[in-house]
Amino acid sequence: MEELFELMITKEKDDGKAMVRLGIRLKIAGNEVLCPVSRLCDSYETFEKEFQTLNDALEQIEQKARRLFKSQSSSAGLRIGPETPAKDIWDILSAIDDEEVLTENFNDLLESQRQAVAEYVLTHCNIFSGKAAAFSRRYDSETGLMA
């Protein structure tokens, strides 16, 4: 496998001191380009901080992918059609154990379904306990999504 990342080295004009940044090698339509993905660093300590910031961002993406795949495997059996009543949708969603998976499944609904489910939960369920409490805590009425 070809190297995807590369250390990009530049020289400062005034003192000739080397500065580095992390670059990623992109191949598009047969052309190869080295693109910077970090800020220019004048010391190892600065580079290490930049590297850790990028590593943290990659770990967050990994977590997001993990939740997505977990959501897919746990929601593969969800049968929510466009005409499914809000109560039935809530019954399905509230049976999901993982709050993150519940949130992702709710956010994947059609906007009209999200509105109907939100209205149902907020007017017919006890929002002080259980999944309805989690829903009311995380639901944003302006965006219509759970955060």
Foldseek 3Di string as FASTA:
>chain_A
DDDQKDWDWDADPPPRQIKTFIWGWDADPNDIDTGGDFDIGRDPVVRVVRVVVVVVVVVVVVVVVVLVVVLCVVCVPPDDDPPDALVVVCVVLLVDPDLSSSQVVLQPDDLVSLVRNLVCLVPPHDCVDGPSVQCVVQADPVVSGGD
